[in-house]
């Protein structure tokens, strides 16, 4: 179905990628030729030589009909986090290597921009997790995760014991190196490398994947969309960290508990018409039939 053509497009990105400046200037030229207003975040405004035109990401989300992100998956995760509750559609242009969130390769930018400016794109809402860290019964931190929330050991820590409940019913206690709580979007990230399943984006579920469990019977578990998962640190020797989307790290202590539930806010991801999730899987994971 044809979408409404964006009249104002925000641009965010990673200025440290070697190809970013060239792609940014190319994109600005394409937008100007089509009489589309461009609004740039601070890094992109500086890179384009327009520092006075810089706009903070939350303000950019309010002005733009769509945001094009130049970089890799890490850049997409950062932008999604900094946008907070805003659900402005995001189109990722992959300037890195492996990229599941960045649906368009850098070389394909002109063709993709042409499709976007003709309304030939699709928007898919991506489920997010709301994570709350509680200490002594008091909520001290809360974050949203598009990919995952990970409890992991520090460099010199020993195994940890984690007590996990789902909807206040005990699942089990894990002896392990840590635990990954992943969304369907994050099912192809750290969770996959730890043996977790791949979920389609529309599954809207939470994957619990133990990291190096010390019992062969411990396997990933998929909790429902409306489930409330709680994980308490029963014992740990050494440093323990809670990491959100690889972007935010919080130190944890024995007795701490994280609560994971569905976020009321989604991230809207844009992709060109004709591109499917299975196309991305085949290409990125180099499955048979991939055109790589």
C-alpha atoms as a PDB file:
ATOM      1  CA  UNK A   1       0.000   0.000   0.000  1.00  0.00           C
ATOM      2  CA  UNK A   2       1.324   3.439  -0.953  1.00  0.00           C
ATOM      3  CA  UNK A   3       2.292   5.605   2.012  1.00  0.00           C
ATOM      4  CA  UNK A   4       2.005   9.338   2.484  1.00  0.00           C
ATOM      5  CA  UNK A   5       5.053  11.009   0.958  1.00  0.00           C
ATOM      6  CA  UNK A   6       7.229  12.641   3.657  1.00  0.00           C
ATOM      7  CA  UNK A   7       7.608  16.406   3.290  1.00  0.00           C
ATOM      8  CA  UNK A   8      10.247  16.795   5.986  1.00  0.00           C
ATOM      9  CA  UNK A   9      12.970  14.194   6.571  1.00  0.00           C
ATOM     10  CA  UNK A  10      15.281  14.172   9.549  1.00  0.00           C
ATOM     11  CA  UNK A  11      18.822  12.877   9.186  1.00  0.00           C
ATOM     12  CA  UNK A  12      20.838  11.310  12.007  1.00  0.00           C
ATOM     13  CA  UNK A  13      23.941   9.186  11.847  1.00  0.00           C
ATOM     14  CA  UNK A  14      27.358   8.083  12.966  1.00  0.00           C
ATOM     15  CA  UNK A  15      29.981  10.680  11.968  1.00  0.00           C
ATOM     16  CA  UNK A  16      32.803   8.187  12.601  1.00  0.00           C
ATOM     17  CA  UNK A  17      31.866   5.892   9.712  1.00  0.00           C
ATOM     18  CA  UNK A  18      34.189   6.616   6.736  1.00  0.00           C
ATOM     19  CA  UNK A  19      31.316   6.695   4.249  1.00  0.00           C
ATOM     20  CA  UNK A  20      28.960   8.871   6.280  1.00  0.00           C
ATOM     21  CA  UNK A  21      29.888  12.293   4.870  1.00  0.00           C
ATOM     22  CA  UNK A  22      29.658  11.168   1.241  1.00  0.00           C
ATOM     23  CA  UNK A  23      26.278   9.510   1.813  1.00  0.00           C
ATOM     24  CA  UNK A  24      25.024  12.515   3.773  1.00  0.00           C
ATOM     25  CA  UNK A  25      25.862  14.946   0.969  1.00  0.00           C
ATOM     26  CA  UNK A  26      24.329  12.568  -1.567  1.00  0.00           C
ATOM     27  CA  UNK A  27      21.133  12.354   0.480  1.00  0.00           C
ATOM     28  CA  UNK A  28      20.915  16.117   0.948  1.00  0.00           C
ATOM     29  CA  UNK A  29      21.267  16.584  -2.814  1.00  0.00           C
ATOM     30  CA  UNK A  30      18.486  14.060  -3.493  1.00  0.00           C
ATOM     31  CA  UNK A  31      16.145  15.701  -0.987  1.00  0.00           C
ATOM     32  CA  UNK A  32      16.836  19.201  -2.339  1.00  0.00           C
ATOM     33  CA  UNK A  33      16.170  18.029  -5.908  1.00  0.00           C
ATOM     34  CA  UNK A  34      12.782  16.719  -4.769  1.00  0.00           C
ATOM     35  CA  UNK A  35      11.979  19.847  -2.718  1.00  0.00           C
ATOM     36  CA  UNK A  36      11.915  17.900   0.560  1.00  0.00           C
ATOM     37  CA  UNK A  37      12.982  19.733   3.717  1.00  0.00           C
ATOM     38  CA  UNK A  38      15.944  18.183   5.543  1.00  0.00           C
ATOM     39  CA  UNK A  39      16.449  18.546   9.301  1.00  0.00           C
ATOM     40  CA  UNK A  40      19.808  17.390  10.683  1.00  0.00           C
ATOM     41  CA  UNK A  41      20.925  16.246  14.122  1.00  0.00           C
ATOM     42  CA  UNK A  42      23.999  17.867  15.657  1.00  0.00           C
ATOM     43  CA  UNK A  43      26.564  15.415  14.270  1.00  0.00           C
ATOM     44  CA  UNK A  44      25.164  15.472  10.731  1.00  0.00           C
ATOM     45  CA  UNK A  45      24.786  19.261  10.736  1.00  0.00           C
ATOM     46  CA  UNK A  46      28.453  19.615  11.694  1.00  0.00           C
ATOM     47  CA  UNK A  47      29.517  17.059   9.084  1.00  0.00           C
ATOM     48  CA  UNK A  48      27.531  18.884   6.375  1.00  0.00           C
ATOM     49  CA  UNK A  49      29.012  22.256   7.334  1.00  0.00           C
ATOM     50  CA  UNK A  50      25.685  23.528   8.677  1.00  0.00           C
ATOM     51  CA  UNK A  51      26.283  23.706  12.460  1.00  0.00           C
ATOM     52  CA  UNK A  52      23.683  26.442  12.948  1.00  0.00           C
ATOM     53  CA  UNK A  53      21.010  24.169  11.503  1.00  0.00           C
ATOM     54  CA  UNK A  54      21.607  21.467  14.147  1.00  0.00           C
ATOM     55  CA  UNK A  55      18.616  19.983  15.916  1.00  0.00           C
ATOM     56  CA  UNK A  56      18.518  17.728  18.987  1.00  0.00           C
ATOM     57  CA  UNK A  57      17.010  14.324  18.264  1.00  0.00           C
ATOM     58  CA  UNK A  58      13.816  14.690  20.366  1.00  0.00           C
ATOM     59  CA  UNK A  59      13.063  18.002  18.593  1.00  0.00           C
ATOM     60  CA  UNK A  60      14.003  16.494  15.229  1.00  0.00           C
ATOM     61  CA  UNK A  61      11.455  13.703  15.784  1.00  0.00           C
ATOM     62  CA  UNK A  62       8.699  16.297  16.241  1.00  0.00           C
ATOM     63  CA  UNK A  63       9.616  18.163  13.047  1.00  0.00           C
ATOM     64  CA  UNK A  64      10.211  15.222  10.710  1.00  0.00           C
ATOM     65  CA  UNK A  65       7.779  12.856   9.020  1.00  0.00           C
ATOM     66  CA  UNK A  66      10.579  10.284   8.845  1.00  0.00           C
ATOM     67  CA  UNK A  67      14.171  10.002  10.044  1.00  0.00           C
ATOM     68  CA  UNK A  68      16.910   8.492   7.877  1.00  0.00           C
ATOM     69  CA  UNK A  69      19.757   7.034   9.933  1.00  0.00           C
ATOM     70  CA  UNK A  70      23.222   6.711   8.384  1.00  0.00           C
ATOM     71  CA  UNK A  71      25.346   4.091  10.124  1.00  0.00           C
ATOM     72  CA  UNK A  72      24.919   0.573  11.459  1.00  0.00           C
ATOM     73  CA  UNK A  73      22.677  -1.234  13.914  1.00  0.00           C
ATOM     74  CA  UNK A  74      24.418   0.439  16.845  1.00  0.00           C
ATOM     75  CA  UNK A  75      23.534   3.842  15.423  1.00  0.00           C
ATOM     76  CA  UNK A  76      19.915   2.766  14.960  1.00  0.00           C
ATOM     77  CA  UNK A  77      19.743   1.573  18.564  1.00  0.00           C
ATOM     78  CA  UNK A  78      21.224   4.864  19.801  1.00  0.00           C
ATOM     79  CA  UNK A  79      18.789   6.959  17.787  1.00  0.00           C
ATOM     80  CA  UNK A  80      15.808   4.860  18.910  1.00  0.00           C
ATOM     81  CA  UNK A  81      16.899   5.276  22.542  1.00  0.00           C
ATOM     82  CA  UNK A  82      17.454   9.028  22.292  1.00  0.00           C
ATOM     83  CA  UNK A  83      14.067   9.559  20.645  1.00  0.00           C
ATOM     84  CA  UNK A  84      12.403   8.358  23.838  1.00  0.00           C
ATOM     85  CA  UNK A  85       8.664   7.881  23.352  1.00  0.00           C
ATOM     86  CA  UNK A  86       8.589   9.364  19.845  1.00  0.00           C
ATOM     87  CA  UNK A  87       7.408   6.917  17.174  1.00  0.00           C
ATOM     88  CA  UNK A  88       8.666   8.776  14.110  1.00  0.00           C
ATOM     89  CA  UNK A  89       9.452   6.143  11.409  1.00  0.00           C
ATOM     90  CA  UNK A  90      13.151   5.281  11.025  1.00  0.00           C
ATOM     91  CA  UNK A  91      14.893   4.178   7.823  1.00  0.00           C
ATOM     92  CA  UNK A  92      18.376   2.736   8.347  1.00  0.00           C
ATOM     93  CA  UNK A  93      21.121   3.067   5.705  1.00  0.00           C
ATOM     94  CA  UNK A  94      23.774   0.457   6.426  1.00  0.00           C
ATOM     95  CA  UNK A  95      27.303   1.878   6.339  1.00  0.00           C
ATOM     96  CA  UNK A  96      28.747  -0.957   8.420  1.00  0.00           C
ATOM     97  CA  UNK A  97      28.961  -4.717   8.097  1.00  0.00           C
ATOM     98  CA  UNK A  98      26.204  -6.912   9.470  1.00  0.00           C
ATOM     99  CA  UNK A  99      22.990  -4.973   9.870  1.00  0.00           C
ATOM    100  CA  UNK A 100      19.487  -6.223  10.629  1.00  0.00           C
ATOM    101  CA  UNK A 101      17.970  -2.855  11.584  1.00  0.00           C
ATOM    102  CA  UNK A 102      19.542  -0.952   8.702  1.00  0.00           C
ATOM    103  CA  UNK A 103      17.500  -2.299   5.807  1.00  0.00           C
ATOM    104  CA  UNK A 104      19.190  -0.432   2.918  1.00  0.00           C
ATOM    105  CA  UNK A 105      22.819  -0.785   1.826  1.00  0.00           C
ATOM    106  CA  UNK A 106      24.755   2.441   1.310  1.00  0.00           C
ATOM    107  CA  UNK A 107      25.128   1.814  -2.429  1.00  0.00           C
ATOM    108  CA  UNK A 108      21.347   1.525  -2.717  1.00  0.00           C
ATOM    109  CA  UNK A 109      20.647   4.916  -1.142  1.00  0.00           C
ATOM    110  CA  UNK A 110      19.580   6.708  -4.369  1.00  0.00           C
ATOM    111  CA  UNK A 111      17.123   3.963  -5.343  1.00  0.00           C
ATOM    112  CA  UNK A 112      15.736   3.709  -1.811  1.00  0.00           C
ATOM    113  CA  UNK A 113      15.338   7.494  -1.531  1.00  0.00           C
ATOM    114  CA  UNK A 114      13.470   7.474  -4.842  1.00  0.00           C
ATOM    115  CA  UNK A 115      11.040   4.882  -3.492  1.00  0.00           C
ATOM    116  CA  UNK A 116      10.543   6.751  -0.227  1.00  0.00           C
ATOM    117  CA  UNK A 117       9.857  10.030  -2.041  1.00  0.00           C
ATOM    118  CA  UNK A 118       7.242   8.270  -4.146  1.00  0.00           C
ATOM    119  CA  UNK A 119       5.491   6.753  -1.134  1.00  0.00           C
ATOM    120  CA  UNK A 120       6.687   3.252  -2.003  1.00  0.00           C
ATOM    121  CA  UNK A 121       7.695   2.004   1.418  1.00  0.00           C
ATOM    122  CA  UNK A 122       6.337  -0.022   4.295  1.00  0.00           C
ATOM    123  CA  UNK A 123       6.377   0.717   8.019  1.00  0.00           C
ATOM    124  CA  UNK A 124       6.569  -2.049  10.597  1.00  0.00           C
ATOM    125  CA  UNK A 125       6.120  -1.475  14.333  1.00  0.00           C
ATOM    126  CA  UNK A 126       8.792  -3.197  16.424  1.00  0.00           C
ATOM    127  CA  UNK A 127       8.024  -4.387  19.937  1.00  0.00           C
ATOM    128  CA  UNK A 128      10.144  -2.969  22.783  1.00  0.00           C
ATOM    129  CA  UNK A 129      10.789  -4.086  26.343  1.00  0.00           C
ATOM    130  CA  UNK A 130      10.436  -1.909  29.421  1.00  0.00           C
ATOM    131  CA  UNK A 131      13.074  -2.805  31.998  1.00  0.00           C
ATOM    132  CA  UNK A 132      13.089  -1.675  35.623  1.00  0.00           C
ATOM    133  CA  UNK A 133      15.934  -2.317  38.062  1.00  0.00           C
ATOM    134  CA  UNK A 134      14.815  -2.654  41.685  1.00  0.00           C
ATOM    135  CA  UNK A 135      17.072  -2.593  44.721  1.00  0.00           C
ATOM    136  CA  UNK A 136      15.708  -3.299  48.212  1.00  0.00           C
ATOM    137  CA  UNK A 137      12.223  -3.054  46.720  1.00  0.00           C
ATOM    138  CA  UNK A 138      12.847   0.425  45.303  1.00  0.00           C
ATOM    139  CA  UNK A 139      12.895   1.213  41.580  1.00  0.00           C
ATOM    140  CA  UNK A 140      16.226   2.891  40.816  1.00  0.00           C
ATOM    141  CA  UNK A 141      16.595   2.664  37.006  1.00  0.00           C
ATOM    142  CA  UNK A 142      14.312   2.124  34.029  1.00  0.00           C
ATOM    143  CA  UNK A 143      15.094   1.804  30.327  1.00  0.00           C
ATOM    144  CA  UNK A 144      13.525   0.652  27.073  1.00  0.00           C
ATOM    145  CA  UNK A 145      15.176  -2.009  24.931  1.00  0.00           C
ATOM    146  CA  UNK A 146      14.643  -2.523  21.210  1.00  0.00           C
ATOM    147  CA  UNK A 147      17.111  -5.439  21.029  1.00  0.00           C
ATOM    148  CA  UNK A 148      17.804  -6.808  24.476  1.00  0.00           C
ATOM    149  CA  UNK A 149      18.547  -6.388  28.155  1.00  0.00           C
ATOM    150  CA  UNK A 150      21.532  -8.477  29.288  1.00  0.00           C
ATOM    151  CA  UNK A 151      22.754  -9.477  32.734  1.00  0.00           C
ATOM    152  CA  UNK A 152      26.414 -10.428  32.417  1.00  0.00           C
ATOM    153  CA  UNK A 153      29.514 -11.013  34.510  1.00  0.00           C
ATOM    154  CA  UNK A 154      32.429  -8.627  34.610  1.00  0.00           C
ATOM    155  CA  UNK A 155      35.835  -9.658  33.301  1.00  0.00           C
ATOM    156  CA  UNK A 156      36.946 -11.524  36.449  1.00  0.00           C
ATOM    157  CA  UNK A 157      33.622 -12.670  37.912  1.00  0.00           C
ATOM    158  CA  UNK A 158      32.511 -16.219  38.603  1.00  0.00           C
ATOM    159  CA  UNK A 159      29.192 -17.828  37.790  1.00  0.00           C
ATOM    160  CA  UNK A 160      25.978 -16.224  38.993  1.00  0.00           C
ATOM    161  CA  UNK A 161      22.728 -17.649  40.300  1.00  0.00           C
ATOM    162  CA  UNK A 162      19.607 -16.016  38.879  1.00  0.00           C
ATOM    163  CA  UNK A 163      16.047 -16.663  40.040  1.00  0.00           C
ATOM    164  CA  UNK A 164      13.509 -16.162  37.248  1.00  0.00           C
ATOM    165  CA  UNK A 165       9.735 -15.873  37.547  1.00  0.00           C
ATOM    166  CA  UNK A 166       7.122 -15.319  34.851  1.00  0.00           C
ATOM    167  CA  UNK A 167       3.880 -13.683  35.990  1.00  0.00           C
ATOM    168  CA  UNK A 168       4.957 -14.326  39.610  1.00  0.00           C
ATOM    169  CA  UNK A 169       5.325 -18.082  39.033  1.00  0.00           C
ATOM    170  CA  UNK A 170       8.800 -19.555  39.524  1.00  0.00           C
ATOM    171  CA  UNK A 171      10.430 -20.718  36.287  1.00  0.00           C
ATOM    172  CA  UNK A 172      13.782 -21.869  37.728  1.00  0.00           C
ATOM    173  CA  UNK A 173      17.084 -20.767  39.207  1.00  0.00           C
ATOM    174  CA  UNK A 174      19.904 -20.634  36.678  1.00  0.00           C
ATOM    175  CA  UNK A 175      23.584 -21.182  37.388  1.00  0.00           C
ATOM    176  CA  UNK A 176      25.125 -19.418  34.431  1.00  0.00           C
ATOM    177  CA  UNK A 177      27.324 -16.619  33.129  1.00  0.00           C
ATOM    178  CA  UNK A 178      24.320 -14.344  32.637  1.00  0.00           C
ATOM    179  CA  UNK A 179      20.934 -13.957  30.975  1.00  0.00           C
ATOM    180  CA  UNK A 180      19.642 -12.302  27.806  1.00  0.00           C
ATOM    181  CA  UNK A 181      16.104 -10.928  27.582  1.00  0.00           C
ATOM    182  CA  UNK A 182      15.539 -10.305  23.882  1.00  0.00           C
ATOM    183  CA  UNK A 183      12.777  -8.929  21.697  1.00  0.00           C
ATOM    184  CA  UNK A 184      11.980 -10.517  18.307  1.00  0.00           C
ATOM    185  CA  UNK A 185      14.095  -7.730  16.787  1.00  0.00           C
ATOM    186  CA  UNK A 186      16.962  -8.711  19.088  1.00  0.00           C
ATOM    187  CA  UNK A 187      16.507 -12.424  18.422  1.00  0.00           C
ATOM    188  CA  UNK A 188      19.129 -12.139  15.645  1.00  0.00           C
ATOM    189  CA  UNK A 189      21.645 -10.392  17.917  1.00  0.00           C
ATOM    190  CA  UNK A 190      23.361 -11.643  21.108  1.00  0.00           C
ATOM    191  CA  UNK A 191      20.546 -14.096  21.865  1.00  0.00           C
ATOM    192  CA  UNK A 192      21.116 -15.891  18.554  1.00  0.00           C
ATOM    193  CA  UNK A 193      24.840 -16.325  19.246  1.00  0.00           C
ATOM    194  CA  UNK A 194      23.944 -17.786  22.676  1.00  0.00           C
ATOM    195  CA  UNK A 195      21.649 -20.399  21.112  1.00  0.00           C
ATOM    196  CA  UNK A 196      18.332 -18.552  21.167  1.00  0.00           C
ATOM    197  CA  UNK A 197      15.632 -18.907  18.480  1.00  0.00           C
ATOM    198  CA  UNK A 198      14.877 -16.460  15.674  1.00  0.00           C
ATOM    199  CA  UNK A 199      11.435 -14.881  16.074  1.00  0.00           C
ATOM    200  CA  UNK A 200       9.624 -12.981  13.357  1.00  0.00           C
ATOM    201  CA  UNK A 201       9.152  -9.290  14.234  1.00  0.00           C
ATOM    202  CA  UNK A 202       5.377  -9.624  14.514  1.00  0.00           C
ATOM    203  CA  UNK A 203       5.725 -12.344  17.205  1.00  0.00           C
ATOM    204  CA  UNK A 204       5.744  -9.700  19.994  1.00  0.00           C
ATOM    205  CA  UNK A 205       7.325 -11.888  22.666  1.00  0.00           C
ATOM    206  CA  UNK A 206      10.308 -11.968  25.022  1.00  0.00           C
ATOM    207  CA  UNK A 207      13.069 -14.563  24.702  1.00  0.00           C
ATOM    208  CA  UNK A 208      14.920 -15.649  27.855  1.00  0.00           C
ATOM    209  CA  UNK A 209      18.309 -17.027  26.788  1.00  0.00           C
ATOM    210  CA  UNK A 210      20.778 -18.163  29.477  1.00  0.00           C
ATOM    211  CA  UNK A 211      24.450 -17.496  28.760  1.00  0.00           C
ATOM    212  CA  UNK A 212      26.592 -20.615  29.222  1.00  0.00           C
ATOM    213  CA  UNK A 213      24.174 -22.354  31.643  1.00  0.00           C
ATOM    214  CA  UNK A 214      25.715 -24.983  33.918  1.00  0.00           C
ATOM    215  CA  UNK A 215      22.900 -27.456  33.263  1.00  0.00           C
ATOM    216  CA  UNK A 216      22.430 -28.988  29.824  1.00  0.00           C
ATOM    217  CA  UNK A 217      18.660 -29.001  30.367  1.00  0.00           C
ATOM    218  CA  UNK A 218      18.540 -25.191  30.585  1.00  0.00           C
ATOM    219  CA  UNK A 219      17.225 -23.924  27.261  1.00  0.00           C
ATOM    220  CA  UNK A 220      15.839 -20.618  25.968  1.00  0.00           C
ATOM    221  CA  UNK A 221      12.236 -19.871  26.945  1.00  0.00           C
ATOM    222  CA  UNK A 222       9.794 -17.649  25.064  1.00  0.00           C
ATOM    223  CA  UNK A 223       7.433 -15.611  27.241  1.00  0.00           C
ATOM    224  CA  UNK A 224       4.216 -14.083  25.957  1.00  0.00           C
ATOM    225  CA  UNK A 225       3.665 -10.477  24.938  1.00  0.00           C
ATOM    226  CA  UNK A 226       1.844  -9.546  28.139  1.00  0.00           C
ATOM    227  CA  UNK A 227       4.029 -11.569  30.509  1.00  0.00           C
ATOM    228  CA  UNK A 228       5.915  -9.872  33.326  1.00  0.00           C
ATOM    229  CA  UNK A 229       9.335 -11.447  33.795  1.00  0.00           C
ATOM    230  CA  UNK A 230      11.394 -10.914  36.943  1.00  0.00           C
ATOM    231  CA  UNK A 231      14.991 -11.952  37.414  1.00  0.00           C
ATOM    232  CA  UNK A 232      16.693 -11.670  40.815  1.00  0.00           C
ATOM    233  CA  UNK A 233      20.415 -12.000  41.476  1.00  0.00           C
ATOM    234  CA  UNK A 234      20.589 -14.685  44.181  1.00  0.00           C
ATOM    235  CA  UNK A 235      24.375 -14.883  44.311  1.00  0.00           C
ATOM    236  CA  UNK A 236      27.357 -13.551  42.395  1.00  0.00           C
ATOM    237  CA  UNK A 237      31.088 -13.321  43.000  1.00  0.00           C
ATOM    238  CA  UNK A 238      32.460 -10.163  41.472  1.00  0.00           C
ATOM    239  CA  UNK A 239      31.122  -7.500  39.149  1.00  0.00           C
ATOM    240  CA  UNK A 240      27.721  -7.895  37.518  1.00  0.00           C
ATOM    241  CA  UNK A 241      26.339  -5.611  34.802  1.00  0.00           C
ATOM    242  CA  UNK A 242      22.955  -4.890  33.262  1.00  0.00           C
ATOM    243  CA  UNK A 243      23.359  -3.717  29.658  1.00  0.00           C
ATOM    244  CA  UNK A 244      20.516  -2.264  27.578  1.00  0.00           C
ATOM    245  CA  UNK A 245      20.867  -2.550  23.777  1.00  0.00           C
ATOM    246  CA  UNK A 246      24.648  -2.420  24.146  1.00  0.00           C
ATOM    247  CA  UNK A 247      24.230   1.298  24.874  1.00  0.00           C
ATOM    248  CA  UNK A 248      23.625   1.689  28.608  1.00  0.00           C
ATOM    249  CA  UNK A 249      25.372  -0.168  31.439  1.00  0.00           C
ATOM    250  CA  UNK A 250      24.285  -0.324  35.076  1.00  0.00           C
ATOM    251  CA  UNK A 251      26.137  -2.103  37.903  1.00  0.00           C
ATOM    252  CA  UNK A 252      24.060  -4.700  39.729  1.00  0.00           C
ATOM    253  CA  UNK A 253      24.352  -6.152  43.240  1.00  0.00           C
ATOM    254  CA  UNK A 254      23.268  -9.377  44.888  1.00  0.00           C
ATOM    255  CA  UNK A 255      19.570  -9.047  45.708  1.00  0.00           C
ATOM    256  CA  UNK A 256      18.846  -6.733  42.784  1.00  0.00           C
ATOM    257  CA  UNK A 257      15.905  -7.633  40.586  1.00  0.00           C
ATOM    258  CA  UNK A 258      15.037  -6.567  37.066  1.00  0.00           C
ATOM    259  CA  UNK A 259      11.459  -6.533  35.865  1.00  0.00           C
ATOM    260  CA  UNK A 260      10.820  -6.897  32.145  1.00  0.00           C
ATOM    261  CA  UNK A 261       7.502  -6.169  30.474  1.00  0.00           C
ATOM    262  CA  UNK A 262       6.121  -4.890  27.186  1.00  0.00           C
ATOM    263  CA  UNK A 263       6.720  -1.203  26.532  1.00  0.00           C
ATOM    264  CA  UNK A 264       3.676   0.853  25.516  1.00  0.00           C
ATOM    265  CA  UNK A 265       5.856   2.509  22.858  1.00  0.00           C
ATOM    266  CA  UNK A 266       7.078   0.862  19.657  1.00  0.00           C
ATOM    267  CA  UNK A 267       9.801   1.716  17.153  1.00  0.00           C
ATOM    268  CA  UNK A 268       8.548   2.174  13.587  1.00  0.00           C
ATOM    269  CA  UNK A 269      11.025   0.757  11.053  1.00  0.00           C
ATOM    270  CA  UNK A 270      10.821   1.657   7.372  1.00  0.00           C
ATOM    271  CA  UNK A 271      11.815  -0.635   4.498  1.00  0.00           C
ATOM    272  CA  UNK A 272      11.349  -0.393   0.722  1.00  0.00           C
ATOM    273  CA  UNK A 273       8.372  -2.072  -0.899  1.00  0.00           C
ATOM    274  CA  UNK A 274       9.187  -5.626  -1.927  1.00  0.00           C
ATOM    275  CA  UNK A 275      11.788  -6.260   0.770  1.00  0.00           C
ATOM    276  CA  UNK A 276      10.784  -8.961   3.279  1.00  0.00           C
ATOM    277  CA  UNK A 277      12.224 -10.003   6.614  1.00  0.00           C
ATOM    278  CA  UNK A 278      13.209 -13.332   5.047  1.00  0.00           C
ATOM    279  CA  UNK A 279      15.228 -11.467   2.391  1.00  0.00           C
ATOM    280  CA  UNK A 280      17.180  -9.792   5.183  1.00  0.00           C
ATOM    281  CA  UNK A 281      17.714 -13.090   7.032  1.00  0.00           C
ATOM    282  CA  UNK A 282      18.982 -14.873   3.938  1.00  0.00           C
ATOM    283  CA  UNK A 283      21.351 -12.050   3.093  1.00  0.00           C
ATOM    284  CA  UNK A 284      22.721 -11.351   6.566  1.00  0.00           C
ATOM    285  CA  UNK A 285      23.003 -14.978   7.706  1.00  0.00           C
ATOM    286  CA  UNK A 286      24.182 -16.152   4.272  1.00  0.00           C
ATOM    287  CA  UNK A 287      21.509 -18.817   4.010  1.00  0.00           C
ATOM    288  CA  UNK A 288      21.001 -20.703   0.734  1.00  0.00           C
ATOM    289  CA  UNK A 289      19.161 -18.652  -1.856  1.00  0.00           C
ATOM    290  CA  UNK A 290      20.701 -15.385  -0.646  1.00  0.00           C
ATOM    291  CA  UNK A 291      21.770 -12.999  -3.354  1.00  0.00           C
ATOM    292  CA  UNK A 292      25.133 -11.985  -1.899  1.00  0.00           C
END
